Amino acid sequence: MRRLFALPLIAALLGGAGPVPPQRPRRIVSLNLCADQYLLALADPGQIVALTQFARDPEMSAAAGKARAFHSTRGSAEEVLALRPDLILATPGRRRETMARLQGRDIATLDVSFANNYADIVAQIRSVAAAVGHPARGEALIVHMDRQLASIPATAGRGAVAAYYQRRGFLTGTGTLIDDLMQRVGLRNLAAKLGKPALARVGLEEMAMARPDYLIVETATDQVQDQGTEMLHHPVLAPIPRLRLPQAWTVCGGPAYVEAARALASQLGGKRK
């Protein structure tokens, strides 16, 4: 199974090099899973020529349903050129590969990396909305998200300690999108308490001894699929209450951030009853 544990840990939006995009691009290609979701929320359907190969994967993309209506690309330079884009949304890493082979072409580019907090998401929405020629649409989305987030109790977690624990024992630390979500609903990150980095391996014994109030786990790990998920079902973890989130809501920023925050607050409310 494809797993991208470190995706939420990479830095925020970076400005892309290349020609300035037209006022309203007509042929946009995304080579970035997170950009896929921004495009689907902000661009006209007729502007989107292709999304990434992961766009339709419900485990990776929070907008997989909408993405099914669009062509996908694996992102080779030859395939991208055949699509005749006037704007490409990519990642900084992709620039060293496909994008390097497209240098010298009259194609505007925008680099979109991964959000580490809600402020990054707001900045990304504005950047992508401007690039696709719909800045007002971006502002409207931000206002909508702000209103939804304002209705979520900031003290739902009441200072409880939570651990975002992934298959194979990976623990997500501070300075990440997950950490930002925890803070928004009033949870404290176990990784900070233990002095762990942004991503660390924590064994079952150490986790059991740390005794967090909650484990936050991905919904896909509810069933044992392999050795990586089997450890999450070890009896030593059974006494710790669980909060569940789809991985697709936390791989990237964007509108799914609101869904993740709302789900955490709702589950925390249920646990207290």
Protein backbone atom coordinates (compact mmCIF):
# COMPACT_ATOMS: atom_id res chain seq x y z
CA MET A 1 0.00 0.00 0.00
CA ARG A 2 1.22 3.48 -0.78
CA ARG A 3 2.08 5.44 2.35
CA LEU A 4 3.54 8.93 2.49
CA PHE A 5 4.19 9.41 6.21
CA ALA A 6 6.34 12.50 5.93
CA LEU A 7 4.11 14.48 3.58
CA PRO A 8 2.63 16.75 6.29
CA LEU A 9 6.14 17.60 7.50
CA ILE A 10 7.49 19.50 4.50
CA ALA A 11 7.75 23.29 4.43
CA ALA A 12 5.02 25.68 3.31
CA LEU A 13 4.33 27.37 -0.01
CA LEU A 14 7.27 28.30 -2.24
CA GLY A 15 6.99 30.68 -5.16
CA GLY A 16 7.59 29.03 -8.51
CA ALA A 17 9.99 30.33 -11.12
CA GLY A 18 9.26 30.67 -14.82
CA PRO A 19 7.03 32.92 -16.94
CA VAL A 20 4.25 34.88 -15.29
CA PRO A 21 0.95 32.99 -15.70
CA PRO A 22 -1.67 34.53 -17.97
CA GLN A 23 -4.44 36.50 -16.28
CA ARG A 24 -6.66 33.42 -16.44
CA PRO A 25 -4.85 30.27 -17.62
CA ARG A 26 -6.82 28.05 -19.97
CA ARG A 27 -4.85 24.82 -19.65
CA ILE A 28 -3.63 23.94 -16.15
CA VAL A 29 -1.75 20.76 -15.28
CA SER A 30 -1.11 19.67 -11.70
CA LEU A 31 1.92 17.58 -10.77
CA ASN A 32 1.18 17.93 -7.06
CA LEU A 33 -1.32 15.99 -4.94
CA CYS A 34 -2.09 19.02 -2.78
CA ALA A 35 -2.38 21.33 -5.79
CA ASP A 36 -4.96 18.92 -7.22
CA GLN A 37 -7.29 19.72 -4.35
CA TYR A 38 -6.76 23.47 -4.52
CA LEU A 39 -7.44 23.42 -8.25
CA LEU A 40 -10.68 21.50 -7.80
CA ALA A 41 -11.82 24.08 -5.25
CA LEU A 42 -10.67 27.22 -7.05
CA ALA A 43 -10.37 26.76 -10.82
CA ASP A 44 -13.11 26.42 -13.41
CA PRO A 45 -13.47 22.77 -14.50
CA GLY A 46 -12.68 23.80 -18.06
CA GLN A 47 -9.31 25.18 -16.97
CA ILE A 48 -8.09 21.84 -15.56
CA VAL A 49 -6.35 19.70 -18.18
CA ALA A 50 -4.88 17.05 -15.86
CA LEU A 51 -4.39 16.16 -12.21
CA THR A 52 -1.91 13.76 -10.62
CA GLN A 53 -2.24 9.99 -10.67
CA PHE A 54 -3.11 10.13 -6.94
CA ALA A 55 -5.99 12.59 -7.34
CA ARG A 56 -8.62 9.84 -7.60
CA ASP A 57 -7.27 7.76 -4.71
CA PRO A 58 -9.66 8.21 -1.74
CA GLU A 59 -6.92 7.22 0.71
CA MET A 60 -4.66 10.03 -0.52
CA SER A 61 -6.98 12.74 -1.81
CA ALA A 62 -9.81 14.43 0.09
CA ALA A 63 -11.29 15.44 -3.28
CA ALA A 64 -11.08 12.03 -4.96
CA GLY A 65 -14.76 12.05 -5.91
CA LYS A 66 -14.52 15.33 -7.82
CA ALA A 67 -11.21 14.30 -9.38
CA ARG A 68 -12.76 11.34 -11.20
CA ALA A 69 -14.16 13.73 -13.81
CA PHE A 70 -10.67 14.81 -14.90
CA HIS A 71 -7.77 13.32 -16.81
CA SER A 72 -4.77 12.19 -14.75
CA THR A 73 -1.08 12.24 -15.58
CA ARG A 74 2.01 10.47 -14.27
CA GLY A 75 3.93 13.66 -14.91
CA SER A 76 6.61 12.77 -17.44
CA ALA A 77 7.95 15.70 -19.42
CA GLU A 78 6.71 14.19 -22.68
CA GLU A 79 3.20 13.64 -21.33
CA VAL A 80 3.03 17.14 -19.85
CA LEU A 81 4.16 18.78 -23.08
CA ALA A 82 1.53 16.84 -25.02
CA LEU A 83 -1.12 18.41 -22.79
CA ARG A 84 0.00 21.91 -23.93
CA PRO A 85 -0.35 23.61 -20.51
CA ASP A 86 0.00 27.34 -19.96
CA LEU A 87 0.32 26.82 -16.17
CA ILE A 88 1.85 23.92 -14.24
CA LEU A 89 1.45 23.46 -10.49
CA ALA A 90 4.27 21.34 -9.09
CA THR A 91 6.43 20.72 -6.02
CA PRO A 92 9.97 21.99 -5.47
CA GLY A 93 11.23 18.40 -5.78
CA ARG A 94 9.48 17.89 -9.10
CA ARG A 95 11.37 20.90 -10.51
CA ARG A 96 14.57 18.87 -10.38
CA GLU A 97 13.03 16.23 -12.63
CA THR A 98 10.18 16.93 -15.03
CA MET A 99 10.30 20.69 -14.56
CA ALA A 100 14.01 20.83 -15.34
CA ARG A 101 13.27 19.26 -18.72
CA LEU A 102 10.64 21.90 -19.41
CA GLN A 103 12.97 24.85 -18.88
CA GLY A 104 12.97 27.36 -21.68
CA ARG A 105 9.35 26.64 -22.58
CA ASP A 106 6.80 29.42 -22.40
CA ILE A 107 4.92 27.73 -19.54
CA ALA A 108 4.21 29.44 -16.23
CA THR A 109 4.82 27.41 -13.07
CA LEU A 110 3.85 27.61 -9.42
CA ASP A 111 5.47 25.50 -6.72
CA VAL A 112 3.07 24.32 -4.02
CA SER A 113 4.49 22.40 -1.09
CA PHE A 114 2.76 20.99 1.99
CA ALA A 115 1.08 23.10 4.65
CA ASN A 116 2.28 22.79 8.23
CA ASN A 117 -0.52 24.90 9.74
CA TYR A 118 -3.71 26.76 8.91
CA ALA A 119 -1.83 29.97 8.11
CA ASP A 120 0.05 28.07 5.41
CA ILE A 121 -3.26 26.84 3.99
CA VAL A 122 -4.61 30.39 3.77
CA ALA A 123 -1.44 31.53 1.99
CA GLN A 124 -1.67 28.61 -0.44
CA ILE A 125 -5.31 29.29 -1.24
CA ARG A 126 -4.49 32.91 -2.08
CA SER A 127 -1.47 31.97 -4.18
CA VAL A 128 -3.26 29.30 -6.21
CA ALA A 129 -6.41 31.40 -6.59
CA ALA A 130 -4.36 34.28 -7.98
CA ALA A 131 -2.43 31.99 -10.33
CA VAL A 132 -5.60 30.47 -11.80
CA GLY A 133 -7.25 33.87 -12.18
CA HIS A 134 -9.88 33.61 -9.44
CA PRO A 135 -8.59 35.61 -6.43
CA ALA A 136 -12.10 36.48 -5.24
CA ARG A 137 -12.98 32.79 -5.19
CA GLY A 138 -9.97 32.17 -2.97
CA GLU A 139 -11.03 34.88 -0.52
CA ALA A 140 -14.54 33.45 -0.39
CA LEU A 141 -13.15 30.00 0.43
CA ILE A 142 -11.01 31.44 3.23
CA VAL A 143 -14.00 33.27 4.72
CA HIS A 144 -16.06 30.08 4.55
CA MET A 145 -13.35 28.03 6.26
CA ASP A 146 -12.79 30.69 8.92
CA ARG A 147 -16.50 30.64 9.79
CA GLN A 148 -16.58 26.87 10.01
CA LEU A 149 -13.47 26.76 12.20
CA ALA A 150 -14.89 29.44 14.50
CA SER A 151 -17.77 27.08 15.36
CA ILE A 152 -15.43 24.29 16.50
CA PRO A 153 -14.79 24.28 20.28
CA ALA A 154 -11.17 25.26 20.90
CA THR A 155 -11.29 23.50 24.28
CA ALA A 156 -12.79 20.19 23.13
CA GLY A 157 -9.63 18.34 24.16
CA ARG A 158 -9.35 20.12 27.52
CA GLY A 159 -5.56 19.87 27.48
CA ALA A 160 -5.49 16.10 27.12
CA VAL A 161 -2.36 14.51 25.65
CA ALA A 162 -2.73 12.83 22.26
CA ALA A 163 -0.36 10.90 20.03
CA TYR A 164 -0.76 10.78 16.27
CA TYR A 165 0.44 7.21 15.90
CA GLN A 166 0.88 5.67 12.46
CA ARG A 167 1.64 2.23 11.15
CA ARG A 168 5.11 0.87 11.97
CA GLY A 169 5.22 3.09 15.05
CA PHE A 170 5.70 6.51 13.51
CA LEU A 171 4.79 9.42 15.79
CA THR A 172 4.11 12.88 14.33
CA GLY A 173 5.70 15.77 16.18
CA THR A 174 5.35 19.52 16.49
CA GLY A 175 5.51 22.01 13.63
CA THR A 176 3.24 19.82 11.51
CA LEU A 177 -0.31 20.06 10.22
CA ILE A 178 -1.39 17.33 12.64
CA ASP A 179 0.11 19.25 15.56
CA ASP A 180 -1.72 22.38 14.43
CA LEU A 181 -5.01 20.43 14.34
CA MET A 182 -4.38 19.11 17.84
CA GLN A 183 -3.82 22.60 19.18
CA ARG A 184 -6.97 23.87 17.47
CA VAL A 185 -9.16 21.46 19.43
CA GLY A 186 -7.29 21.80 22.71
CA LEU A 187 -5.08 18.72 22.63
CA ARG A 188 -1.41 18.53 23.58
CA ASN A 189 0.98 16.57 21.40
CA LEU A 190 2.71 13.68 23.14
CA ALA A 191 5.70 14.16 20.83
CA ALA A 192 6.37 17.56 22.42
CA LYS A 193 6.15 16.05 25.90
CA LEU A 194 8.66 13.37 24.93
CA GLY A 195 10.96 15.79 23.08
CA LYS A 196 10.56 13.96 19.78
CA PRO A 197 11.31 15.49 16.34
CA ALA A 198 8.73 16.09 13.63
CA LEU A 199 8.70 12.39 12.76
CA ALA A 200 10.00 9.68 15.08
CA ARG A 201 9.75 5.93 15.61
CA VAL A 202 8.20 5.10 18.98
CA GLY A 203 7.92 1.47 20.02
CA LEU A 204 4.93 -0.13 21.72
CA GLU A 205 6.60 -0.25 25.12
CA GLU A 206 7.56 3.43 25.04
CA MET A 207 4.06 4.40 23.90
CA ALA A 208 2.42 2.33 26.62
CA MET A 209 4.69 3.85 29.27
CA ALA A 210 3.96 7.38 28.01
CA ARG A 211 0.24 6.73 28.58
CA PRO A 212 -1.32 9.39 26.32
CA ASP A 213 -4.99 10.15 26.88
CA TYR A 214 -5.74 9.46 23.21
CA LEU A 215 -4.23 7.83 20.15
CA ILE A 216 -5.08 9.55 16.87
CA VAL A 217 -4.97 6.92 14.13
CA GLU A 218 -5.84 6.72 10.46
CA THR A 219 -9.18 5.09 9.66
CA ALA A 220 -7.47 2.77 7.18
CA THR A 221 -5.66 1.09 10.10
CA ASP A 222 -8.91 -0.07 11.74
CA GLN A 223 -8.29 -3.43 10.11
CA VAL A 224 -4.99 -5.33 10.20
CA GLN A 225 -3.54 -5.20 6.68
CA ASP A 226 0.13 -5.95 7.25
CA GLN A 227 2.78 -5.97 9.96
CA GLY A 228 2.82 -2.19 9.99
CA THR A 229 -0.84 -1.95 10.95
CA GLU A 230 -0.77 -5.06 13.14
CA MET A 231 1.25 -3.28 15.80
CA LEU A 232 -1.51 -0.71 16.23
CA HIS A 233 -3.78 -3.57 17.35
CA HIS A 234 -1.40 -4.86 20.01
CA PRO A 235 -3.15 -5.49 23.37
CA VAL A 236 -0.81 -3.08 25.15
CA LEU A 237 -2.47 -0.20 23.27
CA ALA A 238 -6.04 -1.41 23.80
CA PRO A 239 -6.75 0.69 26.94
CA ILE A 240 -5.96 3.97 25.14
CA PRO A 241 -9.05 5.62 23.58
CA ARG A 242 -8.76 6.33 19.86
CA LEU A 243 -9.65 9.24 17.65
CA ARG A 244 -9.86 8.36 13.96
CA LEU A 245 -9.15 10.47 10.89
CA PRO A 246 -8.93 9.54 7.21
CA GLN A 247 -5.37 9.93 6.00
CA ALA A 248 -6.67 11.94 3.03
CA TRP A 249 -7.74 14.74 5.39
CA THR A 250 -4.23 15.28 6.74
CA VAL A 251 -1.88 14.51 3.84
CA CYS A 252 -2.51 18.01 2.49
CA GLY A 253 -3.97 21.28 3.63
CA GLY A 254 -7.02 22.84 2.02
CA PRO A 255 -10.74 22.52 2.81
CA ALA A 256 -10.22 19.06 4.36
CA TYR A 257 -8.50 20.77 7.30
CA VAL A 258 -11.92 21.90 8.48
CA GLU A 259 -13.31 18.37 8.22
CA ALA A 260 -10.40 17.00 10.25
CA ALA A 261 -10.80 19.60 12.99
CA ARG A 262 -14.56 19.08 13.14
CA ALA A 263 -14.13 15.28 13.33
CA LEU A 264 -11.60 15.53 16.18
CA ALA A 265 -13.82 17.90 18.18
CA SER A 266 -16.88 15.71 17.61
CA GLN A 267 -15.11 12.54 18.72
CA LEU A 268 -13.69 14.26 21.78
CA GLY A 269 -17.19 15.41 22.70
CA GLY A 270 -18.45 11.87 22.39
CA LYS A 271 -15.63 10.46 24.53
CA ARG A 272 -16.59 12.77 27.41
CA LYS A 273 -20.24 11.66 27.47
